[in-house]
C-alpha cells in the first residue's frame, strides 16, 4: 500500500478504463477522488471516455458526487441505478452524450459481488415485466445505449421458469471510502453511517487485475485497528489518499458529524419533532395502518419517509423493525439526502447482504413512492418526459416484499388542501393527472404482481386502491371528497369500485395523535 495525493491517485486512471465508484446518494461518497478526477480532466483532458459504474445514485443535487463528473468527454459509458440526485449527469444522459444503462440497484450490488468471484453475472427474477426486461427496454437509459448494440441483460429459463440474467462486470480501477487506514492498508469504517460495498468492490477490482484506491480520514499505526473492525484487508488495497475534511463528511450534503448515525452514541427520540399535519402526513398515516407488530418494514424516499415519523409519534417504532436499503436495521430512518442513514441504528450490515435479505422475501411491508400508476397497477418512478431517472432499489424491493404500498399525491402540480376536523378539502386541484391509462415506464409490474397474488395498495391523500387480477379497485375515499368529481374525474381510466367501499379513517385528518395500535 502506498499513500498518494488525490491527483496522483486519479492519474492512474487511463482512457477507457472501467471505474467503479463507491457511495449512495450523499453518504459514504469517495468525494475526494471524484473531485480530483474532475480536476484532472479539466486540466489535462484525460482520462477520456471512462466507463463509469456505481450501484445506486451518487449526488447532492448540486456540485457533489456524479455532478462533478458531468463533463463532456470524460465519461464514455455509464452503468448505474439512479440519476435523480445528479441532475448534471442526467442531462448528459438525456442529450445522448454517451450510452447509459440503468440497472436495478440491488442487481448492481450483486453484480459487484459476482465480479469478485468471477461468476457469470446475476440470475434473478428481479426486473421481470419492468423496463429492465429485454422484451420491454432492456435497461437502456437513452438512445445512445440502444444504438450501441450492447446487451446487459437477457431472458433465461430454468425448470420452466423465466429469469433475467444480468451480464457480468469487471473493473480496472475503483474508488472506495473508509475512516481509517493502517500502515499496510487495512481499512475500518468507524465514522461511516453505513457499511456500503467497499469490500465487494475492492475484491472485484483486485481479482480483475485492477487498482484499488481508498479515500480515508486518517492513517494509523499498523495493527492498531481491532481485527473485527477491519472491513477490508490491506492485501486488497493498492493506494490510500488522506482526504481533505470537506470531502470526508459523513454526508456530503451535511457539514456535521452525527455520532448517533454511526452508532457511536444514541440520541433521545424525544428530540424528534412531530411532523405537522398536511397531505403528506395523511398519506403516511394511512400507510401506517398496514403496520403489524414484528413487521420488517422498508421505506422509500419522499412521502414514504413520513411513515417513520408517524410510527415515532404514535409510539410504535419499537414494535416494528425498519430497514434502509443501504444496510441499516432499526432506529429512525432519515429523509431527503440523508435517506440512507438512521438515528440510533441497531445494526449496520453491507448493502449487498441487505438486498439478499430483501430479494429472498425478507420484507413484510414496503412503502414506496408512486409518480404514475396505470389501469393494470403498473407504477413508474424512473422516467419522466423522456428523461431517465432510474429506480434505485425500487425494483428489487417492490418485487420481493410480501406487501407493497405505493404512496403519492393523487394529482401533481399546484394541488392545495385543507385538513381539519376529520376531513380533507381540496382547495386547488393539481394540474397533472397521475393515474394514467399507461405509465411512461414500468418500474413495478402490476401484471406480474397480480399473477403472483401479491398484496398491493395505492395510497393517495384522497383515495386508496388495491391491486386485483382485473386491475385497480377503489376501496376507500377520504371524508370530504366527492368520489365522482375528485377521484374518478381525475383519472384516465375507470377502476373497479369495491362493493365494500369505505371512508378513510377520519383520525388520519385530525391534528392529534391517532392512538395507533398494532
Protein backbone atom coordinates (compact mmCIF):
# COMPACT_ATOMS: atom_id res chain seq x y z
CA UNK A 1 0.00 0.00 0.00
CA UNK A 2 1.26 3.48 -0.92
CA UNK A 3 -0.03 6.87 0.21
CA UNK A 4 -0.65 9.28 -2.68
CA UNK A 5 -2.19 12.68 -3.19
CA UNK A 6 -5.63 12.55 -4.75
CA UNK A 7 -4.38 13.96 -8.05
CA UNK A 8 -1.58 11.41 -8.24
CA UNK A 9 -4.03 8.62 -7.45
CA UNK A 10 -6.53 9.55 -10.16
CA UNK A 11 -3.59 9.90 -12.54
CA UNK A 12 -3.57 6.09 -12.58
CA UNK A 13 -6.91 6.05 -14.44
CA UNK A 14 -6.39 5.51 -18.17
CA UNK A 15 -8.54 6.38 -21.17
CA UNK A 16 -11.46 3.97 -21.50
CA UNK A 17 -10.96 2.35 -18.07
CA UNK A 18 -13.96 0.89 -16.24
CA UNK A 19 -14.09 2.83 -12.97
CA UNK A 20 -16.23 1.65 -10.06
CA UNK A 21 -17.15 4.41 -7.61
CA UNK A 22 -18.50 3.87 -4.11
CA UNK A 23 -21.25 5.84 -2.39
CA UNK A 24 -25.02 6.11 -2.22
CA UNK A 25 -26.86 9.43 -2.65
CA UNK A 26 -24.80 11.71 -0.35
CA UNK A 27 -23.46 9.12 2.09
CA UNK A 28 -20.11 7.30 2.18
CA UNK A 29 -19.12 9.02 -1.05
CA UNK A 30 -15.47 8.93 -2.20
CA UNK A 31 -15.75 12.66 -2.87
CA UNK A 32 -12.02 13.49 -2.70
CA UNK A 33 -11.29 11.08 -5.55
CA UNK A 34 -14.34 12.14 -7.57
CA UNK A 35 -13.40 15.82 -7.39
CA UNK A 36 -9.75 15.05 -8.18
CA UNK A 37 -10.76 13.09 -11.27
CA UNK A 38 -12.85 16.03 -12.47
CA UNK A 39 -9.95 18.42 -11.83
CA UNK A 40 -7.50 16.20 -13.70
CA UNK A 41 -9.78 16.01 -16.74
CA UNK A 42 -10.31 19.77 -16.85
CA UNK A 43 -6.56 20.40 -16.60
CA UNK A 44 -5.23 17.68 -18.90
CA UNK A 45 -8.14 16.37 -20.99
CA UNK A 46 -7.56 12.87 -19.66
CA UNK A 47 -8.74 10.25 -18.97
CA UNK A 48 -11.14 10.22 -21.90
CA UNK A 49 -14.19 8.02 -22.26
CA UNK A 50 -14.12 6.14 -18.96
CA UNK A 51 -16.80 3.52 -18.33
CA UNK A 52 -18.35 4.72 -15.09
CA UNK A 53 -20.09 2.29 -12.72
CA UNK A 54 -21.89 2.98 -9.45
CA UNK A 55 -24.55 0.90 -7.79
CA UNK A 56 -27.22 3.42 -6.82
CA UNK A 57 -27.20 7.18 -7.27
CA UNK A 58 -24.41 9.49 -6.08
CA UNK A 59 -25.03 13.22 -5.80
CA UNK A 60 -26.26 16.15 -3.74
CA UNK A 61 -28.33 17.91 -6.43
CA UNK A 62 -25.52 20.49 -6.72
CA UNK A 63 -21.80 20.07 -7.37
CA UNK A 64 -21.11 16.90 -5.38
CA UNK A 65 -20.93 13.27 -6.41
CA UNK A 66 -21.57 12.44 -10.05
CA UNK A 67 -22.46 16.04 -10.86
CA UNK A 68 -18.72 16.76 -10.67
CA UNK A 69 -18.00 14.18 -13.39
CA UNK A 70 -20.66 15.51 -15.76
CA UNK A 71 -18.05 16.88 -18.17
CA UNK A 72 -18.39 16.12 -21.85
CA UNK A 73 -15.69 13.70 -22.98
CA UNK A 74 -14.80 12.34 -19.54
CA UNK A 75 -17.48 9.66 -19.44
CA UNK A 76 -17.81 7.29 -22.39
CA UNK A 77 -20.37 4.92 -20.86
CA UNK A 78 -22.50 4.93 -17.71
CA UNK A 79 -23.85 1.95 -15.76
CA UNK A 80 -25.81 2.87 -12.62
CA UNK A 81 -29.05 2.54 -10.68
CA UNK A 82 -30.21 6.12 -10.22
CA UNK A 83 -29.68 9.63 -11.60
CA UNK A 84 -32.14 11.65 -9.53
CA UNK A 85 -29.59 13.41 -7.29
CA UNK A 86 -27.07 14.04 -10.08
CA UNK A 87 -29.05 16.25 -12.50
CA UNK A 88 -25.95 17.34 -14.41
CA UNK A 89 -25.06 13.74 -15.24
CA UNK A 90 -28.72 13.08 -16.04
CA UNK A 91 -28.68 15.96 -18.53
CA UNK A 92 -25.78 14.36 -20.42
CA UNK A 93 -27.67 11.06 -20.47
CA UNK A 94 -30.74 12.79 -21.92
CA UNK A 95 -28.53 14.50 -24.52
CA UNK A 96 -27.11 11.09 -25.57
CA UNK A 97 -23.56 12.19 -24.78
CA UNK A 98 -22.74 8.52 -24.10
CA UNK A 99 -24.59 5.20 -23.72
CA UNK A 100 -26.28 4.90 -20.32
CA UNK A 101 -27.52 1.63 -18.82
CA UNK A 102 -29.89 1.93 -15.86
CA UNK A 103 -29.97 -1.28 -13.80
CA UNK A 104 -31.83 -2.02 -10.53
CA UNK A 105 -29.66 -1.09 -7.54
CA UNK A 106 -29.77 -4.46 -5.79
CA UNK A 107 -28.75 -6.18 -9.01
CA UNK A 108 -25.79 -3.81 -9.32
CA UNK A 109 -24.66 -4.71 -5.81
CA UNK A 110 -24.89 -8.40 -6.63
CA UNK A 111 -23.02 -7.84 -9.92
CA UNK A 112 -20.12 -6.39 -7.94
CA UNK A 113 -20.02 -9.45 -5.70
CA UNK A 114 -20.36 -11.73 -8.74
CA UNK A 115 -17.39 -9.94 -10.33
CA UNK A 116 -15.36 -10.62 -7.20
CA UNK A 117 -15.80 -14.37 -7.66
CA UNK A 118 -15.68 -14.34 -11.48
CA UNK A 119 -19.30 -15.53 -11.60
CA UNK A 120 -21.22 -15.41 -14.90
CA UNK A 121 -23.40 -12.47 -13.90
CA UNK A 122 -26.56 -12.43 -11.77
CA UNK A 123 -29.61 -14.63 -12.41
CA UNK A 124 -32.77 -13.33 -10.72
CA UNK A 125 -36.49 -12.74 -11.18
CA UNK A 126 -35.97 -9.08 -10.23
CA UNK A 127 -36.93 -6.89 -13.17
CA UNK A 128 -39.26 -9.28 -14.99
CA UNK A 129 -42.05 -7.30 -16.63
CA UNK A 130 -40.34 -3.96 -15.96
CA UNK A 131 -38.14 -1.67 -18.02
CA UNK A 132 -35.19 -3.96 -17.16
CA UNK A 133 -36.75 -6.86 -19.07
CA UNK A 134 -35.10 -7.05 -22.53
CA UNK A 135 -38.52 -7.66 -24.08
CA UNK A 136 -39.52 -4.20 -22.86
CA UNK A 137 -36.48 -1.86 -22.64
CA UNK A 138 -33.53 -3.98 -21.55
CA UNK A 139 -32.08 -1.39 -19.12
CA UNK A 140 -31.36 1.09 -21.92
CA UNK A 141 -31.27 4.54 -20.35
CA UNK A 142 -31.06 6.51 -23.60
CA UNK A 143 -30.98 6.19 -27.37
CA UNK A 144 -27.18 6.09 -27.36
CA UNK A 145 -27.36 2.86 -25.35
CA UNK A 146 -29.82 1.33 -27.80
CA UNK A 147 -27.67 2.40 -30.75
CA UNK A 148 -24.56 0.88 -29.13
CA UNK A 149 -25.93 -2.63 -29.67
CA UNK A 150 -24.58 -3.60 -26.26
CA UNK A 151 -26.66 -6.07 -24.26
CA UNK A 152 -26.57 -6.02 -20.45
CA UNK A 153 -29.46 -8.38 -19.65
CA UNK A 154 -31.12 -11.42 -21.22
CA UNK A 155 -34.00 -13.81 -20.51
CA UNK A 156 -33.07 -17.32 -19.37
CA UNK A 157 -35.15 -20.34 -18.40
CA UNK A 158 -34.61 -22.86 -15.61
CA UNK A 159 -37.03 -25.69 -14.90
CA UNK A 160 -39.72 -23.97 -16.91
CA UNK A 161 -39.42 -20.66 -15.05
CA UNK A 162 -38.25 -17.40 -16.61
CA UNK A 163 -35.46 -15.34 -15.07
CA UNK A 164 -33.26 -12.44 -16.10
CA UNK A 165 -29.51 -12.84 -16.38
CA UNK A 166 -27.64 -9.58 -15.93
CA UNK A 167 -24.31 -9.96 -17.70
CA UNK A 168 -21.04 -9.89 -15.71
CA UNK A 169 -18.92 -6.81 -14.99
CA UNK A 170 -15.22 -6.21 -14.27
CA UNK A 171 -13.26 -3.17 -13.07
CA UNK A 172 -9.94 -1.56 -13.96
CA UNK A 173 -9.99 0.93 -11.08
CA UNK A 174 -12.21 1.54 -8.07
CA UNK A 175 -12.66 4.41 -5.64
CA UNK A 176 -13.74 3.29 -2.17
CA UNK A 177 -14.04 5.08 1.15
CA UNK A 178 -13.24 4.29 4.79
CA UNK A 179 -12.45 6.17 8.00
CA UNK A 180 -9.03 4.79 8.96
CA UNK A 181 -6.22 3.00 7.16
CA UNK A 182 -3.33 1.45 8.99
CA UNK A 183 0.21 1.45 7.60
CA UNK A 184 -0.37 -1.66 5.48
CA UNK A 185 -3.76 -0.59 4.13
CA UNK A 186 -6.22 -2.36 6.45
CA UNK A 187 -9.40 -0.23 6.44
CA UNK A 188 -12.05 0.47 9.09
CA UNK A 189 -15.28 2.48 8.84
CA UNK A 190 -15.98 3.65 12.41
CA UNK A 191 -17.29 7.10 11.41
CA UNK A 192 -19.39 5.98 8.46
CA UNK A 193 -23.15 5.81 8.93
CA UNK A 194 -23.37 2.81 6.60
CA UNK A 195 -21.28 -0.18 5.59
CA UNK A 196 -21.55 0.01 1.83
CA UNK A 197 -19.94 -2.48 -0.57
CA UNK A 198 -16.34 -1.34 -0.09
CA UNK A 199 -15.20 -4.92 0.48
CA UNK A 200 -17.02 -6.39 -2.51
CA UNK A 201 -15.83 -3.59 -4.80
CA UNK A 202 -12.24 -3.99 -3.62
CA UNK A 203 -12.30 -7.76 -4.16
CA UNK A 204 -13.93 -7.39 -7.59
CA UNK A 205 -11.35 -4.86 -8.74
CA UNK A 206 -8.39 -6.70 -7.22
CA UNK A 207 -9.48 -10.02 -8.76
CA UNK A 208 -9.96 -8.31 -12.12
CA UNK A 209 -6.32 -7.21 -12.01
CA UNK A 210 -7.35 -3.62 -11.35
CA UNK A 211 -6.25 -0.86 -8.99
CA UNK A 212 -7.97 -0.27 -5.62
CA UNK A 213 -7.76 3.32 -4.34
CA UNK A 214 -9.13 4.12 -0.88
CA UNK A 215 -10.04 7.55 0.46
CA UNK A 216 -9.71 7.85 4.26
CA UNK A 217 -9.77 10.39 7.08
CA UNK A 218 -6.53 9.26 8.70
CA UNK A 219 -3.67 6.77 8.74
CA UNK A 220 -2.99 4.92 11.99
CA UNK A 221 -0.25 2.62 13.26
CA UNK A 222 -0.06 -0.92 11.90
CA UNK A 223 -2.10 -3.45 13.93
CA UNK A 224 -3.76 -0.67 15.95
CA UNK A 225 -7.15 -1.44 14.41
CA UNK A 226 -9.11 -4.22 16.08
CA UNK A 227 -9.27 -7.19 13.69
CA UNK A 228 -13.08 -7.29 13.71
CA UNK A 229 -13.19 -3.56 12.93
CA UNK A 230 -11.21 -4.08 9.72
CA UNK A 231 -13.72 -4.33 6.87
CA UNK A 232 -11.16 -4.51 4.05
CA UNK A 233 -7.81 -6.30 4.42
CA UNK A 234 -4.75 -4.36 3.29
CA UNK A 235 -3.80 -7.01 0.73
CA UNK A 236 -6.68 -5.72 -1.43
CA UNK A 237 -5.71 -2.03 -1.20
CA UNK A 238 -3.14 -0.56 -3.60
CA UNK A 239 -3.21 3.14 -2.74
CA UNK A 240 -4.57 5.34 0.05
CA UNK A 241 -5.47 9.03 -0.15
CA UNK A 242 -5.97 11.10 3.01
CA UNK A 243 -8.92 13.34 2.19
CA UNK A 244 -9.48 16.99 2.88
CA UNK A 245 -12.12 17.14 5.69
CA UNK A 246 -14.62 18.85 3.36
CA UNK A 247 -14.55 15.75 1.14
CA UNK A 248 -14.72 13.30 4.05
CA UNK A 249 -18.02 14.46 5.51
CA UNK A 250 -20.28 11.68 6.75
CA UNK A 251 -22.91 13.03 4.33
CA UNK A 252 -21.70 15.36 1.59
CA UNK A 253 -24.88 17.42 1.97
CA UNK A 254 -24.30 17.93 5.73
CA UNK A 255 -21.47 19.82 7.44
CA UNK A 256 -21.63 17.97 10.74
CA UNK A 257 -20.64 14.55 12.02
CA UNK A 258 -23.58 12.75 13.64
CA UNK A 259 -22.37 10.09 16.11
CA UNK A 260 -25.94 8.86 16.52
CA UNK A 261 -25.90 7.79 12.86
CA UNK A 262 -22.73 5.71 13.11
CA UNK A 263 -23.70 4.02 16.38
CA UNK A 264 -21.07 5.85 18.42
CA UNK A 265 -23.79 7.38 20.63
CA UNK A 266 -27.58 7.30 20.91
CA UNK A 267 -29.94 10.28 20.76
CA UNK A 268 -33.12 10.60 22.84
CA UNK A 269 -36.05 10.16 20.46
CA UNK A 270 -37.91 12.84 22.39
CA UNK A 271 -35.72 15.26 20.45
CA UNK A 272 -37.50 14.34 17.19
CA UNK A 273 -40.15 16.93 16.39
CA UNK A 274 -43.70 15.94 15.46
CA UNK A 275 -44.47 16.42 11.76
CA UNK A 276 -47.22 18.98 11.02
CA UNK A 277 -50.48 17.64 9.61
CA UNK A 278 -50.61 18.01 5.84
CA UNK A 279 -51.39 15.77 2.86
CA UNK A 280 -48.00 14.05 3.09
CA UNK A 281 -48.54 13.12 6.70
CA UNK A 282 -52.09 11.98 5.88
CA UNK A 283 -50.70 9.50 3.35
CA UNK A 284 -48.06 8.33 5.82
CA UNK A 285 -50.76 7.82 8.43
CA UNK A 286 -52.89 5.72 6.10
CA UNK A 287 -49.88 3.59 5.17
CA UNK A 288 -49.10 3.17 8.88
CA UNK A 289 -52.39 1.29 9.30
CA UNK A 290 -50.74 -1.55 7.37
CA UNK A 291 -48.09 -1.98 10.07
CA UNK A 292 -48.24 -5.04 12.31
CA UNK A 293 -46.18 -5.85 15.35
CA UNK A 294 -42.94 -7.58 14.41
CA UNK A 295 -43.07 -6.48 10.77
CA UNK A 296 -39.85 -5.83 8.86
CA UNK A 297 -40.55 -2.57 7.01
CA UNK A 298 -38.69 -0.75 4.24
CA UNK A 299 -39.45 2.89 3.41
CA UNK A 300 -38.71 4.64 0.15
CA UNK A 301 -37.68 8.25 -0.37
CA UNK A 302 -40.16 11.13 -0.34
CA UNK A 303 -43.67 10.70 1.07
CA UNK A 304 -42.92 7.16 2.40
CA UNK A 305 -40.45 8.72 4.84
CA UNK A 306 -43.42 10.10 6.79
CA UNK A 307 -44.33 6.58 7.93
CA UNK A 308 -41.25 6.61 10.17
CA UNK A 309 -42.33 9.97 11.61
CA UNK A 310 -45.87 8.68 12.22
CA UNK A 311 -44.61 5.50 13.87
CA UNK A 312 -42.39 7.55 16.20
CA UNK A 313 -45.20 9.98 17.01
CA UNK A 314 -47.60 7.11 17.73
CA UNK A 315 -45.04 5.37 19.93
CA UNK A 316 -44.88 2.16 17.89
CA UNK A 317 -41.39 2.42 16.40
CA UNK A 318 -40.09 -0.18 18.86
CA UNK A 319 -42.76 -2.68 17.78
CA UNK A 320 -41.56 -2.92 14.19
CA UNK A 321 -38.18 -3.37 12.53
CA UNK A 322 -37.39 -0.74 9.93
CA UNK A 323 -34.53 -1.08 7.49
CA UNK A 324 -32.84 1.16 4.97
CA UNK A 325 -31.56 -0.43 1.77
CA UNK A 326 -28.05 0.87 2.41
CA UNK A 327 -27.80 -1.74 5.18
CA UNK A 328 -29.32 -0.17 8.31
CA UNK A 329 -31.74 -2.00 10.60
CA UNK A 330 -33.63 -0.42 13.48
CA UNK A 331 -33.63 3.18 14.62
CA UNK A 332 -35.50 6.01 12.90
CA UNK A 333 -34.72 6.37 9.18
CA UNK A 334 -33.87 9.86 7.98
CA UNK A 335 -35.19 11.64 4.91
CA UNK A 336 -34.08 13.67 1.91
CA UNK A 337 -30.40 13.39 1.01
CA UNK A 338 -29.88 11.66 4.37
CA UNK A 339 -32.26 8.84 3.39
CA UNK A 340 -29.51 6.22 3.57
CA UNK A 341 -28.86 6.86 7.29
CA UNK A 342 -30.84 6.48 10.51
CA UNK A 343 -30.85 7.83 14.04
CA UNK A 344 -29.89 5.17 16.59
CA UNK A 345 -29.45 2.21 14.23
CA UNK A 346 -29.39 -1.18 15.92
CA UNK A 347 -27.48 -2.97 13.17
CA UNK A 348 -25.45 -1.93 10.13
CA UNK A 349 -24.57 -4.59 7.56
CA UNK A 350 -23.36 -4.45 3.97
CA UNK A 351 -25.54 -3.09 1.21
CA UNK A 352 -25.33 -6.29 -0.86
CA UNK A 353 -26.24 -8.51 2.11
CA UNK A 354 -29.28 -6.31 2.72
CA UNK A 355 -30.50 -6.99 -0.80
CA UNK A 356 -30.03 -10.71 -0.22
CA UNK A 357 -32.48 -10.35 2.68
CA UNK A 358 -34.84 -8.29 0.53
CA UNK A 359 -34.72 -10.46 -2.60
CA UNK A 360 -35.38 -13.57 -0.52
CA UNK A 361 -38.71 -12.16 0.68
CA UNK A 362 -37.44 -10.79 3.99
CA UNK A 363 -39.53 -7.59 3.89
CA UNK A 364 -43.08 -7.82 5.25
CA UNK A 365 -44.14 -4.35 4.13
CA UNK A 366 -42.54 -1.87 1.74
CA UNK A 367 -43.88 1.67 1.50
CA UNK A 368 -42.63 3.24 -1.72
CA UNK A 369 -43.36 6.29 -3.85
CA UNK A 370 -45.51 6.48 -6.95
CA UNK A 371 -45.21 9.06 -9.70
CA UNK A 372 -47.54 7.39 -12.22
CA UNK A 373 -49.98 4.48 -11.86
CA UNK A 374 -51.92 2.82 -14.67
CA UNK A 375 -55.03 0.69 -15.04
CA UNK A 376 -53.26 -2.66 -14.56
CA UNK A 377 -51.36 -1.44 -11.49
CA UNK A 378 -48.01 -0.65 -13.11
CA UNK A 379 -46.03 2.08 -11.34
CA UNK A 380 -43.49 4.46 -12.82
CA UNK A 381 -40.86 6.22 -10.71
CA UNK A 382 -37.94 6.02 -13.12
CA UNK A 383 -38.61 8.02 -16.31
CA UNK A 384 -40.40 11.30 -16.95
CA UNK A 385 -40.93 13.19 -20.21
CA UNK A 386 -38.27 11.07 -21.88
CA UNK A 387 -35.69 11.69 -19.11
CA UNK A 388 -34.29 8.61 -17.38
CA UNK A 389 -34.07 8.96 -13.60
CA UNK A 390 -33.57 5.32 -12.63
CA UNK A 391 -35.22 3.20 -9.96
CA UNK A 392 -32.59 2.90 -7.23
CA UNK A 393 -33.64 -0.04 -5.06
CA UNK A 394 -37.31 0.26 -6.03
CA UNK A 395 -37.40 -2.70 -8.44
CA UNK A 396 -35.82 -5.17 -6.02
CA UNK A 397 -37.87 -4.01 -3.05
CA UNK A 398 -41.26 -3.84 -4.76
CA UNK A 399 -40.76 -7.21 -6.45
CA UNK A 400 -39.83 -9.11 -3.30
CA UNK A 401 -41.83 -7.54 -0.44
CA UNK A 402 -44.79 -9.52 0.82
CA UNK A 403 -46.98 -6.39 0.94
CA UNK A 404 -46.32 -3.21 -1.05
CA UNK A 405 -47.96 0.18 -0.52
CA UNK A 406 -47.31 2.86 -3.12
CA UNK A 407 -47.94 6.32 -1.70
CA UNK A 408 -48.09 9.58 -3.58
CA UNK A 409 -50.27 12.58 -4.32
CA UNK A 410 -53.29 11.83 -6.49
CA UNK A 411 -52.52 14.70 -8.88
CA UNK A 412 -49.40 16.78 -9.48
CA UNK A 413 -48.67 20.45 -9.93
CA UNK A 414 -50.22 23.02 -7.62
CA UNK A 415 -52.68 20.99 -5.55
CA UNK A 416 -53.66 22.61 -2.25
CA UNK A 417 -55.61 21.10 0.63
CA UNK A 418 -57.20 21.93 3.91
CA UNK A 419 -57.20 19.20 6.54
CA UNK A 420 -59.32 19.72 9.62
CA UNK A 421 -61.99 18.12 11.79
CA UNK A 422 -61.55 14.68 10.29
CA UNK A 423 -61.91 15.54 6.62
CA UNK A 424 -59.97 16.63 3.54
CA UNK A 425 -60.98 19.67 1.48
CA UNK A 426 -59.40 20.19 -1.95
CA UNK A 427 -58.79 23.95 -2.23
CA UNK A 428 -56.95 23.83 -5.54
CA UNK A 429 -56.66 20.84 -7.85
CA UNK A 430 -53.36 19.65 -9.31
CA UNK A 431 -52.77 20.36 -12.99
CA UNK A 432 -51.49 16.90 -13.96
CA UNK A 433 -53.19 13.52 -13.81
CA UNK A 434 -51.05 10.74 -12.29
CA UNK A 435 -53.45 7.80 -12.65
CA UNK A 436 -52.96 7.16 -16.36
CA UNK A 437 -54.11 4.66 -18.96
CA UNK A 438 -50.46 3.68 -19.41
CA UNK A 439 -47.34 4.72 -17.49
CA UNK A 440 -44.34 6.12 -19.34
CA UNK A 441 -42.05 3.41 -17.97
CA UNK A 442 -42.78 0.25 -15.98
CA UNK A 443 -40.76 0.28 -12.76
CA UNK A 444 -43.21 -2.06 -10.99
CA UNK A 445 -45.22 -4.59 -12.98
CA UNK A 446 -48.81 -4.83 -11.78
CA UNK A 447 -49.46 -7.74 -14.10
CA UNK A 448 -46.55 -9.80 -12.72
CA UNK A 449 -47.62 -8.94 -9.15
CA UNK A 450 -51.25 -9.83 -9.80
CA UNK A 451 -50.30 -13.22 -11.28
CA UNK A 452 -48.25 -13.90 -8.14
CA UNK A 453 -51.15 -12.89 -5.87
CA UNK A 454 -49.14 -10.10 -4.21
CA UNK A 455 -50.92 -7.77 -1.79
CA UNK A 456 -50.54 -4.27 -3.25
CA UNK A 457 -52.07 -0.92 -2.24
CA UNK A 458 -52.01 2.51 -3.89
CA UNK A 459 -52.49 5.29 -1.33
CA UNK A 460 -53.07 8.97 -2.02
CA UNK A 461 -54.37 11.79 0.14
CA UNK A 462 -57.91 11.27 -1.15
CA UNK A 463 -58.30 7.63 -2.15
CA UNK A 464 -56.96 4.12 -1.62
CA UNK A 465 -56.85 1.39 -4.28
CA UNK A 466 -55.75 -2.22 -4.18
CA UNK A 467 -54.49 -4.50 -6.93
CA UNK A 468 -56.74 -7.27 -8.22
CA UNK A 469 -56.31 -9.72 -11.14
CA UNK A 470 -58.60 -7.39 -13.12
CA UNK A 471 -56.73 -4.18 -12.33
CA UNK A 472 -57.12 -1.44 -9.72
CA UNK A 473 -60.05 -1.44 -7.32
CA UNK A 474 -61.09 1.66 -5.36
CA UNK A 475 -61.58 0.65 -1.71
CA UNK A 476 -61.53 3.93 0.27
CA UNK A 477 -62.30 7.61 -0.28
CA UNK A 478 -61.32 10.42 2.10
CA UNK A 479 -64.09 12.12 4.08
CA UNK A 480 -64.93 15.43 2.42
CA UNK A 481 -64.01 14.20 -1.05
CA UNK A 482 -66.52 13.68 -3.89
CA UNK A 483 -65.76 10.28 -5.44
CA UNK A 484 -67.09 11.07 -8.93
CA UNK A 485 -65.65 14.58 -9.23
CA UNK A 486 -62.41 14.41 -7.21
CA UNK A 487 -61.36 10.78 -7.78
CA UNK A 488 -62.93 9.18 -10.86
CA UNK A 489 -62.99 12.54 -12.65
CA UNK A 490 -59.23 12.90 -12.20
CA UNK A 491 -58.23 9.54 -13.72
CA UNK A 492 -57.60 8.48 -17.32
CA UNK A 493 -59.26 5.11 -16.69
CA UNK A 494 -62.18 3.80 -14.70
CA UNK A 495 -61.15 1.50 -11.86
CA UNK A 496 -63.20 -1.22 -10.29
CA UNK A 497 -65.30 0.04 -7.37
CA UNK A 498 -65.36 -2.12 -4.26
CA UNK A 499 -68.76 -3.39 -3.14
CA UNK A 500 -67.46 -2.62 0.36
CA UNK A 501 -66.26 0.93 -0.43
CA UNK A 502 -65.33 2.75 2.81
CA UNK A 503 -64.29 6.15 4.05
CA UNK A 504 -60.66 6.60 5.02
CA UNK A 505 -60.34 6.70 8.81
CA UNK A 506 -61.15 10.28 9.94
CA UNK A 507 -58.34 10.08 12.54
CA UNK A 508 -55.96 10.48 9.60
CA UNK A 509 -57.31 14.00 9.06
CA UNK A 510 -57.33 15.14 12.70
CA UNK A 511 -54.49 17.18 14.19
CA UNK A 512 -53.87 14.87 17.14
CA UNK A 513 -52.19 11.51 17.66
CA UNK A 514 -54.32 8.73 16.20
CA UNK A 515 -53.81 6.26 19.03
CA UNK A 516 -52.42 3.74 16.55
CA UNK A 517 -52.17 0.20 17.85
CA UNK A 518 -50.53 -2.69 16.03
